[in-house]
Structures are given as C-alpha cells and as structure tokens.
Amino acid sequence: MIIGILFAGILLALGTMIAALVAGFPIWLALMLYPVVGTIGAMGFVALALLLKKRDDADDMTACAVVAR
C-alpha cells in the first residue's frame, strides 16, 4: 500500500507539473506545484483507501449480524 501511495502522489504531481509547463506557467511555479500536488494526491489516496475499507468493514459486520441470528 505504501508503494501505491507513493506512486499516486508522484504520478499526479508529475502530470500536474508537465501540464503547468505546457500551459506556459513559469518553471519555478511548476516546481512549487510538484510537492504540493504530490502531498495532496497521496493524502487523497489514503483517504479513499480508508473510506473503502470502512465500507468493507461495515459490510462484514452486517454479514456477521445476519449469520449470528
């Protein structure tokens, strides 16, 4: 999971940096966007993973309650 988080942040940041350079933004701004967008992308990936995990846990608890009857 750690490698997935790293790749999500790196790829999103790299794509944003390339898009900023293609759009004509200065290099210094593209370089500043890289860590900011990478961090936000990694945190978003973790949040999504936790949300999906909580849904799976809730489904498991419902299944346990049905089986316990």
PDB file of N, CA and C in Angstrom:
ATOM      1  N   MET A   1       0.823  -1.185   0.000  1.00  0.00           N
ATOM      2  CA  MET A   1       0.000   0.000   0.000  1.00  0.00           C
ATOM      3  C   MET A   1       0.870   1.252   0.000  1.00  0.00           C
ATOM      4  N   ILE A   2       1.997   1.182   0.674  1.00  0.00           N
ATOM      5  CA  ILE A   2       2.891   2.346   0.737  1.00  0.00           C
ATOM      6  C   ILE A   2       3.389   2.695  -0.660  1.00  0.00           C
ATOM      7  N   ILE A   3       3.738   1.693  -1.430  1.00  0.00           N
ATOM      8  CA  ILE A   3       4.237   1.962  -2.784  1.00  0.00           C
ATOM      9  C   ILE A   3       3.125   2.551  -3.645  1.00  0.00           C
ATOM     10  N   GLY A   4       1.910   2.103  -3.464  1.00  0.00           N
ATOM     11  CA  GLY A   4       0.782   2.677  -4.196  1.00  0.00           C
ATOM     12  C   GLY A   4       0.560   4.138  -3.843  1.00  0.00           C
ATOM     13  N   ILE A   5       0.709   4.460  -2.558  1.00  0.00           N
ATOM     14  CA  ILE A   5       0.568   5.854  -2.126  1.00  0.00           C
ATOM     15  C   ILE A   5       1.658   6.712  -2.759  1.00  0.00           C
ATOM     16  N   LEU A   6       2.884   6.209  -2.743  1.00  0.00           N
ATOM     17  CA  LEU A   6       3.989   6.951  -3.356  1.00  0.00           C
ATOM     18  C   LEU A   6       3.752   7.169  -4.845  1.00  0.00           C
ATOM     19  N   PHE A   7       3.378   6.111  -5.545  1.00  0.00           N
ATOM     20  CA  PHE A   7       3.147   6.239  -6.988  1.00  0.00           C
ATOM     21  C   PHE A   7       1.987   7.178  -7.297  1.00  0.00           C
ATOM     22  N   ALA A   8       0.941   7.134  -6.500  1.00  0.00           N
ATOM     23  CA  ALA A   8      -0.195   8.032  -6.730  1.00  0.00           C
ATOM     24  C   ALA A   8       0.236   9.484  -6.600  1.00  0.00           C
ATOM     25  N   GLY A   9       0.995   9.790  -5.560  1.00  0.00           N
ATOM     26  CA  GLY A   9       1.470  11.154  -5.364  1.00  0.00           C
ATOM     27  C   GLY A   9       2.442  11.596  -6.440  1.00  0.00           C
ATOM     28  N   ILE A  10       3.379  10.723  -6.787  1.00  0.00           N
ATOM     29  CA  ILE A  10       4.398  11.064  -7.784  1.00  0.00           C
ATOM     30  C   ILE A  10       3.771  11.274  -9.153  1.00  0.00           C
ATOM     31  N   LEU A  11       2.913  10.360  -9.570  1.00  0.00           N
ATOM     32  CA  LEU A  11       2.325  10.472 -10.910  1.00  0.00           C
ATOM     33  C   LEU A  11       1.398  11.676 -11.029  1.00  0.00           C
ATOM     34  N   LEU A  12       0.610  11.936 -10.002  1.00  0.00           N
ATOM     35  CA  LEU A  12      -0.270  13.101 -10.038  1.00  0.00           C
ATOM     36  C   LEU A  12       0.543  14.393 -10.066  1.00  0.00           C
ATOM     37  N   ALA A  13       1.597  14.451  -9.260  1.00  0.00           N
ATOM     38  CA  ALA A  13       2.438  15.650  -9.224  1.00  0.00           C
ATOM     39  C   ALA A  13       3.182  15.838 -10.538  1.00  0.00           C
ATOM     40  N   LEU A  14       3.690  14.759 -11.098  1.00  0.00           N
ATOM     41  CA  LEU A  14       4.410  14.856 -12.371  1.00  0.00           C
ATOM     42  C   LEU A  14       3.479  15.311 -13.488  1.00  0.00           C
ATOM     43  N   GLY A  15       2.280  14.760 -13.524  1.00  0.00           N
ATOM     44  CA  GLY A  15       1.305  15.173 -14.531  1.00  0.00           C
ATOM     45  C   GLY A  15       0.928  16.636 -14.393  1.00  0.00           C
ATOM     46  N   THR A  16       0.765  17.083 -13.155  1.00  0.00           N
ATOM     47  CA  THR A  16       0.435  18.489 -12.917  1.00  0.00           C
ATOM     48  C   THR A  16       1.587  19.399 -13.324  1.00  0.00           C
ATOM     49  N   MET A  17       2.804  18.972 -13.029  1.00  0.00           N
ATOM     50  CA  MET A  17       3.966  19.777 -13.383  1.00  0.00           C
ATOM     51  C   MET A  17       4.114  19.890 -14.898  1.00  0.00           C
ATOM     52  N   ILE A  18       3.937  18.796 -15.598  1.00  0.00           N
ATOM     53  CA  ILE A  18       4.020  18.821 -17.062  1.00  0.00           C
ATOM     54  C   ILE A  18       2.906  19.682 -17.642  1.00  0.00           C
ATOM     55  N   ALA A  19       1.701  19.547 -17.101  1.00  0.00           N
ATOM     56  CA  ALA A  19       0.577  20.356 -17.586  1.00  0.00           C
ATOM     57  C   ALA A  19       0.829  21.842 -17.346  1.00  0.00           C
ATOM     58  N   ALA A  20       1.425  22.180 -16.205  1.00  0.00           N
ATOM     59  CA  ALA A  20       1.726  23.582 -15.912  1.00  0.00           C
ATOM     60  C   ALA A  20       2.765  24.127 -16.884  1.00  0.00           C
ATOM     61  N   LEU A  21       3.765  23.326 -17.200  1.00  0.00           N
ATOM     62  CA  LEU A  21       4.791  23.780 -18.148  1.00  0.00           C
ATOM     63  C   LEU A  21       4.225  23.922 -19.553  1.00  0.00           C
ATOM     64  N   VAL A  22       3.379  22.990 -19.961  1.00  0.00           N
ATOM     65  CA  VAL A  22       2.762  23.063 -21.291  1.00  0.00           C
ATOM     66  C   VAL A  22       1.830  24.269 -21.377  1.00  0.00           C
ATOM     67  N   ALA A  23       1.163  24.594 -20.273  1.00  0.00           N
ATOM     68  CA  ALA A  23       0.244  25.732 -20.256  1.00  0.00           C
ATOM     69  C   ALA A  23       0.981  27.071 -20.242  1.00  0.00           C
ATOM     70  N   GLY A  24       2.290  27.031 -20.058  1.00  0.00           N
ATOM     71  CA  GLY A  24       3.071  28.257 -20.116  1.00  0.00           C
ATOM     72  C   GLY A  24       3.386  28.890 -18.776  1.00  0.00           C
ATOM     73  N   PHE A  25       3.148  28.174 -17.692  1.00  0.00           N
ATOM     74  CA  PHE A  25       3.493  28.714 -16.381  1.00  0.00           C
ATOM     75  C   PHE A  25       5.013  28.712 -16.213  1.00  0.00           C
ATOM     76  N   PRO A  26       5.546  29.584 -15.367  1.00  0.00           N
ATOM     77  CA  PRO A  26       6.996  29.613 -15.155  1.00  0.00           C
ATOM     78  C   PRO A  26       7.492  28.316 -14.506  1.00  0.00           C
ATOM     79  N   ILE A  27       8.758  28.026 -14.737  1.00  0.00           N
ATOM     80  CA  ILE A  27       9.346  26.796 -14.199  1.00  0.00           C
ATOM     81  C   ILE A  27       9.292  26.795 -12.671  1.00  0.00           C
ATOM     82  N   TRP A  28       9.540  27.944 -12.041  1.00  0.00           N
ATOM     83  CA  TRP A  28       9.533  27.985 -10.579  1.00  0.00           C
ATOM     84  C   TRP A  28       8.162  27.629 -10.019  1.00  0.00           C
ATOM     85  N   LEU A  29       7.094  28.022 -10.720  1.00  0.00           N
ATOM     86  CA  LEU A  29       5.749  27.692 -10.253  1.00  0.00           C
ATOM     87  C   LEU A  29       5.468  26.193 -10.422  1.00  0.00           C
ATOM     88  N   ALA A  30       5.921  25.637 -11.543  1.00  0.00           N
ATOM     89  CA  ALA A  30       5.742  24.197 -11.759  1.00  0.00           C
ATOM     90  C   ALA A  30       6.507  23.401 -10.709  1.00  0.00           C
ATOM     91  N   LEU A  31       7.695  23.864 -10.353  1.00  0.00           N
ATOM     92  CA  LEU A  31       8.477  23.178  -9.321  1.00  0.00           C
ATOM     93  C   LEU A  31       7.830  23.311  -7.944  1.00  0.00           C
ATOM     94  N   MET A  32       7.168  24.423  -7.693  1.00  0.00           N
ATOM     95  CA  MET A  32       6.467  24.584  -6.417  1.00  0.00           C
ATOM     96  C   MET A  32       5.194  23.739  -6.372  1.00  0.00           C
ATOM     97  N   LEU A  33       4.566  23.542  -7.517  1.00  0.00           N
ATOM     98  CA  LEU A  33       3.346  22.734  -7.563  1.00  0.00           C
ATOM     99  C   LEU A  33       3.630  21.254  -7.312  1.00  0.00           C
ATOM    100  N   TYR A  34       4.829  20.794  -7.692  1.00  0.00           N
ATOM    101  CA  TYR A  34       5.147  19.370  -7.597  1.00  0.00           C
ATOM    102  C   TYR A  34       4.957  18.817  -6.177  1.00  0.00           C
ATOM    103  N   PRO A  35       5.603  19.371  -5.145  1.00  0.00           N
ATOM    104  CA  PRO A  35       5.402  18.788  -3.807  1.00  0.00           C
ATOM    105  C   PRO A  35       4.006  19.028  -3.235  1.00  0.00           C
ATOM    106  N   VAL A  36       3.419  20.164  -3.578  1.00  0.00           N
ATOM    107  CA  VAL A  36       2.085  20.470  -3.046  1.00  0.00           C
ATOM    108  C   VAL A  36       1.057  19.479  -3.589  1.00  0.00           C
ATOM    109  N   VAL A  37       1.048  19.314  -4.901  1.00  0.00           N
ATOM    110  CA  VAL A  37       0.078  18.407  -5.526  1.00  0.00           C
ATOM    111  C   VAL A  37       0.395  16.956  -5.169  1.00  0.00           C
ATOM    112  N   GLY A  38       1.676  16.618  -5.060  1.00  0.00           N
ATOM    113  CA  GLY A  38       2.049  15.260  -4.668  1.00  0.00           C
ATOM    114  C   GLY A  38       1.549  14.907  -3.282  1.00  0.00           C
ATOM    115  N   THR A  39       1.679  15.838  -2.363  1.00  0.00           N
ATOM    116  CA  THR A  39       1.203  15.615  -0.996  1.00  0.00           C
ATOM    117  C   THR A  39      -0.313  15.491  -0.956  1.00  0.00           C
ATOM    118  N   ILE A  40      -0.991  16.390  -1.650  1.00  0.00           N
ATOM    119  CA  ILE A  40      -2.458  16.336  -1.683  1.00  0.00           C
ATOM    120  C   ILE A  40      -2.934  15.042  -2.348  1.00  0.00           C
ATOM    121  N   GLY A  41      -2.252  14.627  -3.411  1.00  0.00           N
ATOM    122  CA  GLY A  41      -2.623  13.383  -4.085  1.00  0.00           C
ATOM    123  C   GLY A  41      -2.429  12.166  -3.199  1.00  0.00           C
ATOM    124  N   ALA A  42      -1.319  12.126  -2.468  1.00  0.00           N
ATOM    125  CA  ALA A  42      -1.065  10.997  -1.572  1.00  0.00           C
ATOM    126  C   ALA A  42      -2.082  10.962  -0.433  1.00  0.00           C
ATOM    127  N   MET A  43      -2.391  12.127   0.137  1.00  0.00           N
ATOM    128  CA  MET A  43      -3.385  12.170   1.213  1.00  0.00           C
ATOM    129  C   MET A  43      -4.772  11.793   0.694  1.00  0.00           C
ATOM    130  N   GLY A  44      -5.090  12.194  -0.517  1.00  0.00           N
ATOM    131  CA  GLY A  44      -6.368  11.813  -1.115  1.00  0.00           C
ATOM    132  C   GLY A  44      -6.462  10.317  -1.344  1.00  0.00           C
ATOM    133  N   PHE A  45      -5.347   9.719  -1.771  1.00  0.00           N
ATOM    134  CA  PHE A  45      -5.310   8.272  -1.986  1.00  0.00           C
ATOM    135  C   PHE A  45      -5.524   7.527  -0.670  1.00  0.00           C
ATOM    136  N   VAL A  46      -4.890   7.999   0.398  1.00  0.00           N
ATOM    137  CA  VAL A  46      -5.054   7.374   1.713  1.00  0.00           C
ATOM    138  C   VAL A  46      -6.496   7.526   2.197  1.00  0.00           C
ATOM    139  N   ALA A  47      -7.063   8.715   2.016  1.00  0.00           N
ATOM    140  CA  ALA A  47      -8.450   8.945   2.438  1.00  0.00           C
ATOM    141  C   ALA A  47      -9.409   8.033   1.683  1.00  0.00           C
ATOM    142  N   LEU A  48      -9.193   7.882   0.386  1.00  0.00           N
ATOM    143  CA  LEU A  48     -10.038   6.995  -0.416  1.00  0.00           C
ATOM    144  C   LEU A  48      -9.904   5.549   0.050  1.00  0.00           C
ATOM    145  N   ALA A  49      -8.679   5.128   0.327  1.00  0.00           N
ATOM    146  CA  ALA A  49      -8.465   3.758   0.801  1.00  0.00           C
ATOM    147  C   ALA A  49      -9.154   3.528   2.145  1.00  0.00           C
ATOM    148  N   LEU A  50      -9.086   4.511   3.037  1.00  0.00           N
ATOM    149  CA  LEU A  50      -9.744   4.361   4.341  1.00  0.00           C
ATOM    150  C   LEU A  50     -11.261   4.348   4.206  1.00  0.00           C
ATOM    151  N   LEU A  51     -11.793   5.173   3.309  1.00  0.00           N
ATOM    152  CA  LEU A  51     -13.245   5.169   3.094  1.00  0.00           C
ATOM    153  C   LEU A  51     -13.716   3.826   2.551  1.00  0.00           C
ATOM    154  N   LEU A  52     -12.975   3.283   1.603  1.00  0.00           N
ATOM    155  CA  LEU A  52     -13.356   1.991   1.037  1.00  0.00           C
ATOM    156  C   LEU A  52     -13.211   0.884   2.066  1.00  0.00           C
ATOM    157  N   LYS A  53     -12.200   0.975   2.923  1.00  0.00           N
ATOM    158  CA  LYS A  53     -12.008  -0.036   3.962  1.00  0.00           C
ATOM    159  C   LYS A  53     -13.157   0.004   4.963  1.00  0.00           C
ATOM    160  N   LYS A  54     -13.593   1.199   5.338  1.00  0.00           N
ATOM    161  CA  LYS A  54     -14.700   1.307   6.292  1.00  0.00           C
ATOM    162  C   LYS A  54     -15.981   0.728   5.711  1.00  0.00           C
ATOM    163  N   ARG A  55     -16.202   0.915   4.422  1.00  0.00           N
ATOM    164  CA  ARG A  55     -17.390   0.324   3.789  1.00  0.00           C
ATOM    165  C   ARG A  55     -17.313  -1.192   3.826  1.00  0.00           C
ATOM    166  N   ASP A  56     -16.123  -1.743   3.554  1.00  0.00           N
ATOM    167  CA  ASP A  56     -15.962  -3.190   3.593  1.00  0.00           C
ATOM    168  C   ASP A  56     -16.172  -3.716   5.007  1.00  0.00           C
ATOM    169  N   ASP A  57     -15.654  -2.993   6.005  1.00  0.00           N
ATOM    170  CA  ASP A  57     -15.839  -3.413   7.394  1.00  0.00           C
ATOM    171  C   ASP A  57     -17.312  -3.390   7.776  1.00  0.00           C
ATOM    172  N   ALA A  58     -18.036  -2.387   7.323  1.00  0.00           N
ATOM    173  CA  ALA A  58     -19.465  -2.298   7.627  1.00  0.00           C
ATOM    174  C   ALA A  58     -20.216  -3.465   6.991  1.00  0.00           C
ATOM    175  N   ASP A  59     -19.846  -3.826   5.773  1.00  0.00           N
ATOM    176  CA  ASP A  59     -20.481  -4.969   5.122  1.00  0.00           C
ATOM    177  C   ASP A  59     -20.173  -6.259   5.869  1.00  0.00           C
ATOM    178  N   ASP A  60     -18.947  -6.394   6.366  1.00  0.00           N
ATOM    179  CA  ASP A  60     -18.579  -7.581   7.123  1.00  0.00           C
ATOM    180  C   ASP A  60     -19.376  -7.670   8.421  1.00  0.00           C
ATOM    181  N   MET A  61     -19.573  -6.534   9.079  1.00  0.00           N
ATOM    182  CA  MET A  61     -20.330  -6.532  10.324  1.00  0.00           C
ATOM    183  C   MET A  61     -21.793  -6.888  10.074  1.00  0.00           C
ATOM    184  N   THR A  62     -22.346  -6.417   8.965  1.00  0.00           N
ATOM    185  CA  THR A  62     -23.723  -6.758   8.619  1.00  0.00           C
ATOM    186  C   THR A  62     -23.836  -8.260   8.362  1.00  0.00           C
ATOM    187  N   ALA A  63     -22.858  -8.805   7.675  1.00  0.00           N
ATOM    188  CA  ALA A  63     -22.869 -10.239   7.396  1.00  0.00           C
ATOM    189  C   ALA A  63     -22.753 -11.035   8.692  1.00  0.00           C
ATOM    190  N   CYS A  64     -21.928 -10.574   9.621  1.00  0.00           N
ATOM    191  CA  CYS A  64     -21.789 -11.256  10.910  1.00  0.00           C
ATOM    192  C   CYS A  64     -23.093 -11.200  11.694  1.00  0.00           C
ATOM    193  N   ALA A  65     -23.777 -10.063  11.647  1.00  0.00           N
ATOM    194  CA  ALA A  65     -25.039  -9.922  12.375  1.00  0.00           C
ATOM    195  C   ALA A  65     -26.103 -10.844  11.789  1.00  0.00           C
ATOM    196  N   VAL A  66     -26.119 -10.981  10.474  1.00  0.00           N
ATOM    197  CA  VAL A  66     -27.104 -11.852   9.829  1.00  0.00           C
ATOM    198  C   VAL A  66     -26.811 -13.307  10.159  1.00  0.00           C
ATOM    199  N   VAL A  67     -25.541 -13.683  10.166  1.00  0.00           N
ATOM    200  CA  VAL A  67     -25.167 -15.060  10.466  1.00  0.00           C
ATOM    201  C   VAL A  67     -25.440 -15.372  11.933  1.00  0.00           C
ATOM    202  N   ALA A  68     -25.268 -14.399  12.816  1.00  0.00           N
ATOM    203  CA  ALA A  68     -25.457 -14.626  14.252  1.00  0.00           C
ATOM    204  C   ALA A  68     -26.914 -14.904  14.605  1.00  0.00           C
ATOM    205  N   ARG A  69     -27.838 -14.471  13.785  1.00  0.00           N
ATOM    206  CA  ARG A  69     -29.257 -14.725  14.073  1.00  0.00           C
ATOM    207  C   ARG A  69     -29.493 -16.169  13.918  1.00  0.00           C
TER     208      ARG A  69
END
